[in-house]
Amino acid sequence: MFTQEQRQGWMAVLAASPPARLAALWQALELRPVYQPVRAPEIGLTQLQARMGATGRRFVLGDMTVTRAVIRLDNGTYGYSYIAGRDKAHAELCALADALMQLDAHHERLQRNLIEPLAALRREQQHMRGREIAASRVDFFTLVRGDNQ
């Protein structure tokens, strides 16, 4: 059995993965599990809320589209996904991967050949984005004169 934190980890990696890269890695695995959609991929809106300085009153930042899907494998294992955007195929593939990750028979192979490469790509993209932001950083300072009394 897997902990909630482990499952949240692989689901976050799947949801944030580029759809084309996920599909390519999935094709290389040559898995053809039999499953039924419990909730076919559907697109909806969710409302984003934020706080000023992380401590102030909540306010509505805006809306964003999400796509969700739920599938059930023949053995009764359910897979869920919520992804940002409107890609139904991506949501269904994420739900399928989630269901298979819960099975001991597939977990290790999927972790090594699907989740780890996608997580490494995500870390690399975050690192490059951090470098871009750091390169554009501007430090402001104020000189204080002693005769301002």
C-alpha atoms as a PDB file:
ATOM      1  CA  MET A   1       0.000   0.000   0.000  1.00  0.00           C
ATOM      2  CA  PHE A   2       1.240   3.465  -0.797  1.00  0.00           C
ATOM      3  CA  THR A   3       1.011   6.512   1.420  1.00  0.00           C
ATOM      4  CA  GLN A   4      -1.073   9.511   0.547  1.00  0.00           C
ATOM      5  CA  GLU A   5       2.100  11.600   0.158  1.00  0.00           C
ATOM      6  CA  GLN A   6       3.595   9.133  -2.328  1.00  0.00           C
ATOM      7  CA  ARG A   7       0.434   9.154  -4.400  1.00  0.00           C
ATOM      8  CA  GLN A   8       0.213  12.951  -4.285  1.00  0.00           C
ATOM      9  CA  GLY A   9       3.817  13.059  -5.495  1.00  0.00           C
ATOM     10  CA  TRP A  10       3.299  10.947  -8.601  1.00  0.00           C
ATOM     11  CA  MET A  11      -0.032  12.588  -9.369  1.00  0.00           C
ATOM     12  CA  ALA A  12       1.588  16.045  -9.216  1.00  0.00           C
ATOM     13  CA  VAL A  13       4.319  14.901 -11.605  1.00  0.00           C
ATOM     14  CA  LEU A  14       1.769  13.421 -14.017  1.00  0.00           C
ATOM     15  CA  ALA A  15      -0.483  16.481 -13.946  1.00  0.00           C
ATOM     16  CA  ALA A  16       2.392  18.896 -14.577  1.00  0.00           C
ATOM     17  CA  SER A  17       3.990  16.791 -17.310  1.00  0.00           C
ATOM     18  CA  PRO A  18       4.042  17.938 -20.931  1.00  0.00           C
ATOM     19  CA  PRO A  19       1.356  15.846 -22.692  1.00  0.00           C
ATOM     20  CA  ALA A  20       3.588  14.921 -25.634  1.00  0.00           C
ATOM     21  CA  ARG A  21       6.409  13.727 -23.357  1.00  0.00           C
ATOM     22  CA  LEU A  22       3.997  11.716 -21.191  1.00  0.00           C
ATOM     23  CA  ALA A  23       2.486  10.085 -24.281  1.00  0.00           C
ATOM     24  CA  ALA A  24       5.926   9.207 -25.671  1.00  0.00           C
ATOM     25  CA  LEU A  25       7.084   7.611 -22.410  1.00  0.00           C
ATOM     26  CA  TRP A  26       3.770   5.753 -22.118  1.00  0.00           C
ATOM     27  CA  GLN A  27       4.060   4.363 -25.669  1.00  0.00           C
ATOM     28  CA  ALA A  28       7.565   3.084 -24.896  1.00  0.00           C
ATOM     29  CA  LEU A  29       6.162   1.058 -21.966  1.00  0.00           C
ATOM     30  CA  GLU A  30       3.833  -0.843 -24.334  1.00  0.00           C
ATOM     31  CA  LEU A  31       1.141  -1.273 -21.671  1.00  0.00           C
ATOM     32  CA  ARG A  32      -2.395  -2.029 -22.824  1.00  0.00           C
ATOM     33  CA  PRO A  33      -4.467  -2.301 -19.636  1.00  0.00           C
ATOM     34  CA  VAL A  34      -8.190  -2.915 -19.884  1.00  0.00           C
ATOM     35  CA  TYR A  35     -10.201  -0.203 -18.155  1.00  0.00           C
ATOM     36  CA  GLN A  36     -13.545   1.538 -18.191  1.00  0.00           C
ATOM     37  CA  PRO A  37     -14.100   5.260 -17.794  1.00  0.00           C
ATOM     38  CA  VAL A  38     -16.092   5.969 -14.642  1.00  0.00           C
ATOM     39  CA  ARG A  39     -16.110   9.676 -15.399  1.00  0.00           C
ATOM     40  CA  ALA A  40     -15.085  10.408 -18.958  1.00  0.00           C
ATOM     41  CA  PRO A  41     -12.670  13.325 -19.264  1.00  0.00           C
ATOM     42  CA  GLU A  42     -14.588  16.547 -18.828  1.00  0.00           C
ATOM     43  CA  ILE A  43     -13.587  20.180 -18.890  1.00  0.00           C
ATOM     44  CA  GLY A  44     -14.692  22.673 -16.267  1.00  0.00           C
ATOM     45  CA  LEU A  45     -13.688  25.812 -14.419  1.00  0.00           C
ATOM     46  CA  THR A  46     -12.260  26.271 -10.976  1.00  0.00           C
ATOM     47  CA  GLN A  47     -11.946  29.491  -9.065  1.00  0.00           C
ATOM     48  CA  LEU A  48      -8.481  30.484  -7.876  1.00  0.00           C
ATOM     49  CA  GLN A  49      -8.210  32.248  -4.548  1.00  0.00           C
ATOM     50  CA  ALA A  50      -5.218  34.022  -3.077  1.00  0.00           C
ATOM     51  CA  ARG A  51      -4.129  36.072  -0.069  1.00  0.00           C
ATOM     52  CA  MET A  52      -2.024  39.218  -0.052  1.00  0.00           C
ATOM     53  CA  GLY A  53       1.273  38.357   1.578  1.00  0.00           C
ATOM     54  CA  ALA A  54      -0.117  34.877   2.335  1.00  0.00           C
ATOM     55  CA  THR A  55      -1.754  36.244   5.505  1.00  0.00           C
ATOM     56  CA  GLY A  56      -4.348  38.791   4.382  1.00  0.00           C
ATOM     57  CA  ARG A  57      -7.966  38.313   3.481  1.00  0.00           C
ATOM     58  CA  ARG A  58      -8.756  35.936   0.652  1.00  0.00           C
ATOM     59  CA  PHE A  59      -9.709  37.310  -2.724  1.00  0.00           C
ATOM     60  CA  VAL A  60     -10.657  35.763  -6.051  1.00  0.00           C
ATOM     61  CA  LEU A  61      -7.644  35.798  -8.325  1.00  0.00           C
ATOM     62  CA  GLY A  62      -9.519  34.450 -11.338  1.00  0.00           C
ATOM     63  CA  ASP A  63     -10.772  31.299 -13.020  1.00  0.00           C
ATOM     64  CA  MET A  64      -8.875  28.556 -14.804  1.00  0.00           C
ATOM     65  CA  THR A  65      -9.903  25.571 -16.865  1.00  0.00           C
ATOM     66  CA  VAL A  66      -9.292  22.090 -15.528  1.00  0.00           C
ATOM     67  CA  THR A  67      -9.917  18.665 -16.985  1.00  0.00           C
ATOM     68  CA  ARG A  68     -10.722  15.709 -14.786  1.00  0.00           C
ATOM     69  CA  ALA A  69     -11.084  11.991 -15.417  1.00  0.00           C
ATOM     70  CA  VAL A  70     -11.755   8.831 -13.413  1.00  0.00           C
ATOM     71  CA  ILE A  71     -11.114   5.318 -14.689  1.00  0.00           C
ATOM     72  CA  ARG A  72     -11.508   1.821 -13.209  1.00  0.00           C
ATOM     73  CA  LEU A  73      -9.250  -1.084 -14.068  1.00  0.00           C
ATOM     74  CA  ASP A  74     -10.773  -4.556 -14.447  1.00  0.00           C
ATOM     75  CA  ASN A  75      -9.457  -5.504 -10.981  1.00  0.00           C
ATOM     76  CA  GLY A  76     -11.427  -2.623  -9.395  1.00  0.00           C
ATOM     77  CA  THR A  77      -8.583  -0.135  -8.900  1.00  0.00           C
ATOM     78  CA  TYR A  78      -9.589   3.469  -9.546  1.00  0.00           C
ATOM     79  CA  GLY A  79      -7.387   6.136 -11.075  1.00  0.00           C
ATOM     80  CA  TYR A  80      -8.085   9.865 -10.814  1.00  0.00           C
ATOM     81  CA  SER A  81      -6.673  12.967 -12.421  1.00  0.00           C
ATOM     82  CA  TYR A  82      -7.161  16.707 -12.429  1.00  0.00           C
ATOM     83  CA  ILE A  83      -5.007  18.689 -14.842  1.00  0.00           C
ATOM     84  CA  ALA A  84      -4.777  22.349 -15.729  1.00  0.00           C
ATOM     85  CA  GLY A  85      -6.075  23.095 -19.197  1.00  0.00           C
ATOM     86  CA  ARG A  86      -8.344  21.400 -21.699  1.00  0.00           C
ATOM     87  CA  ASP A  87      -6.491  18.236 -22.781  1.00  0.00           C
ATOM     88  CA  LYS A  88      -8.852  15.273 -22.365  1.00  0.00           C
ATOM     89  CA  ALA A  89      -6.345  12.669 -23.591  1.00  0.00           C
ATOM     90  CA  HIS A  90      -3.774  13.916 -21.097  1.00  0.00           C
ATOM     91  CA  ALA A  91      -6.280  13.697 -18.223  1.00  0.00           C
ATOM     92  CA  GLU A  92      -7.313  10.149 -19.159  1.00  0.00           C
ATOM     93  CA  LEU A  93      -3.700   8.995 -19.473  1.00  0.00           C
ATOM     94  CA  CYS A  94      -2.861  10.532 -16.078  1.00  0.00           C
ATOM     95  CA  ALA A  95      -5.811   8.699 -14.496  1.00  0.00           C
ATOM     96  CA  LEU A  96      -4.715   5.420 -16.098  1.00  0.00           C
ATOM     97  CA  ALA A  97      -1.142   5.875 -14.873  1.00  0.00           C
ATOM     98  CA  ASP A  98      -2.446   6.678 -11.375  1.00  0.00           C
ATOM     99  CA  ALA A  99      -4.444   3.437 -11.288  1.00  0.00           C
ATOM    100  CA  LEU A 100      -1.499   1.331 -12.477  1.00  0.00           C
ATOM    101  CA  MET A 101       0.906   3.027 -10.039  1.00  0.00           C
ATOM    102  CA  GLN A 102      -1.239   1.677  -7.206  1.00  0.00           C
ATOM    103  CA  LEU A 103      -0.580  -1.923  -8.305  1.00  0.00           C
ATOM    104  CA  ASP A 104       2.570  -3.626  -7.060  1.00  0.00           C
ATOM    105  CA  ALA A 105       2.926  -5.445 -10.398  1.00  0.00           C
ATOM    106  CA  HIS A 106       3.407  -2.159 -12.301  1.00  0.00           C
ATOM    107  CA  HIS A 107       4.541   0.330  -9.683  1.00  0.00           C
ATOM    108  CA  GLU A 108       8.315  -0.135  -9.882  1.00  0.00           C
ATOM    109  CA  ARG A 109       8.422  -0.149 -13.698  1.00  0.00           C
ATOM    110  CA  LEU A 110       6.226   2.947 -13.978  1.00  0.00           C
ATOM    111  CA  GLN A 111       8.184   4.736 -11.265  1.00  0.00           C
ATOM    112  CA  ARG A 112      11.487   4.102 -13.034  1.00  0.00           C
ATOM    113  CA  ASN A 113      10.390   4.593 -16.670  1.00  0.00           C
ATOM    114  CA  LEU A 114       7.606   7.185 -16.386  1.00  0.00           C
ATOM    115  CA  ILE A 115       7.547   9.144 -13.128  1.00  0.00           C
ATOM    116  CA  GLU A 116      11.291   9.619 -12.612  1.00  0.00           C
ATOM    117  CA  PRO A 117      11.993  10.933 -16.156  1.00  0.00           C
ATOM    118  CA  LEU A 118       9.003  13.295 -15.932  1.00  0.00           C
ATOM    119  CA  ALA A 119      10.087  14.485 -12.472  1.00  0.00           C
ATOM    120  CA  ALA A 120      13.628  15.114 -13.749  1.00  0.00           C
ATOM    121  CA  LEU A 121      12.233  17.124 -16.673  1.00  0.00           C
ATOM    122  CA  ARG A 122      10.075  19.142 -14.266  1.00  0.00           C
ATOM    123  CA  ARG A 123      13.058  19.891 -11.999  1.00  0.00           C
ATOM    124  CA  GLU A 124      15.134  20.953 -15.009  1.00  0.00           C
ATOM    125  CA  GLN A 125      12.376  23.271 -16.245  1.00  0.00           C
ATOM    126  CA  GLN A 126      11.979  24.791 -12.768  1.00  0.00           C
ATOM    127  CA  HIS A 127      15.733  25.300 -12.501  1.00  0.00           C
ATOM    128  CA  MET A 128      15.915  26.999 -15.906  1.00  0.00           C
ATOM    129  CA  ARG A 129      12.949  29.222 -15.029  1.00  0.00           C
ATOM    130  CA  GLY A 130      14.643  30.141 -11.760  1.00  0.00           C
ATOM    131  CA  ARG A 131      17.795  31.116 -13.646  1.00  0.00           C
ATOM    132  CA  GLU A 132      15.774  33.289 -16.054  1.00  0.00           C
ATOM    133  CA  ILE A 133      14.118  35.058 -13.158  1.00  0.00           C
ATOM    134  CA  ALA A 134      17.396  35.524 -11.304  1.00  0.00           C
ATOM    135  CA  ALA A 135      18.993  37.037 -14.415  1.00  0.00           C
ATOM    136  CA  SER A 136      16.324  39.723 -14.548  1.00  0.00           C
ATOM    137  CA  ARG A 137      16.469  40.559 -10.850  1.00  0.00           C
ATOM    138  CA  VAL A 138      16.983  44.203  -9.964  1.00  0.00           C
ATOM    139  CA  ASP A 139      18.182  45.283  -6.536  1.00  0.00           C
ATOM    140  CA  PHE A 140      16.937  48.657  -5.357  1.00  0.00           C
ATOM    141  CA  PHE A 141      18.557  50.544  -2.556  1.00  0.00           C
ATOM    142  CA  THR A 142      18.246  53.985  -1.038  1.00  0.00           C
ATOM    143  CA  LEU A 143      21.088  56.205  -0.004  1.00  0.00           C
ATOM    144  CA  VAL A 144      20.430  58.077   3.220  1.00  0.00           C
ATOM    145  CA  ARG A 145      22.023  61.463   3.664  1.00  0.00           C
ATOM    146  CA  GLY A 146      22.891  62.656   7.124  1.00  0.00           C
ATOM    147  CA  ASP A 147      21.491  66.198   6.734  1.00  0.00           C
ATOM    148  CA  ASN A 148      17.787  65.186   6.503  1.00  0.00           C
ATOM    149  CA  GLN A 149      16.858  66.122  10.053  1.00  0.00           C
END
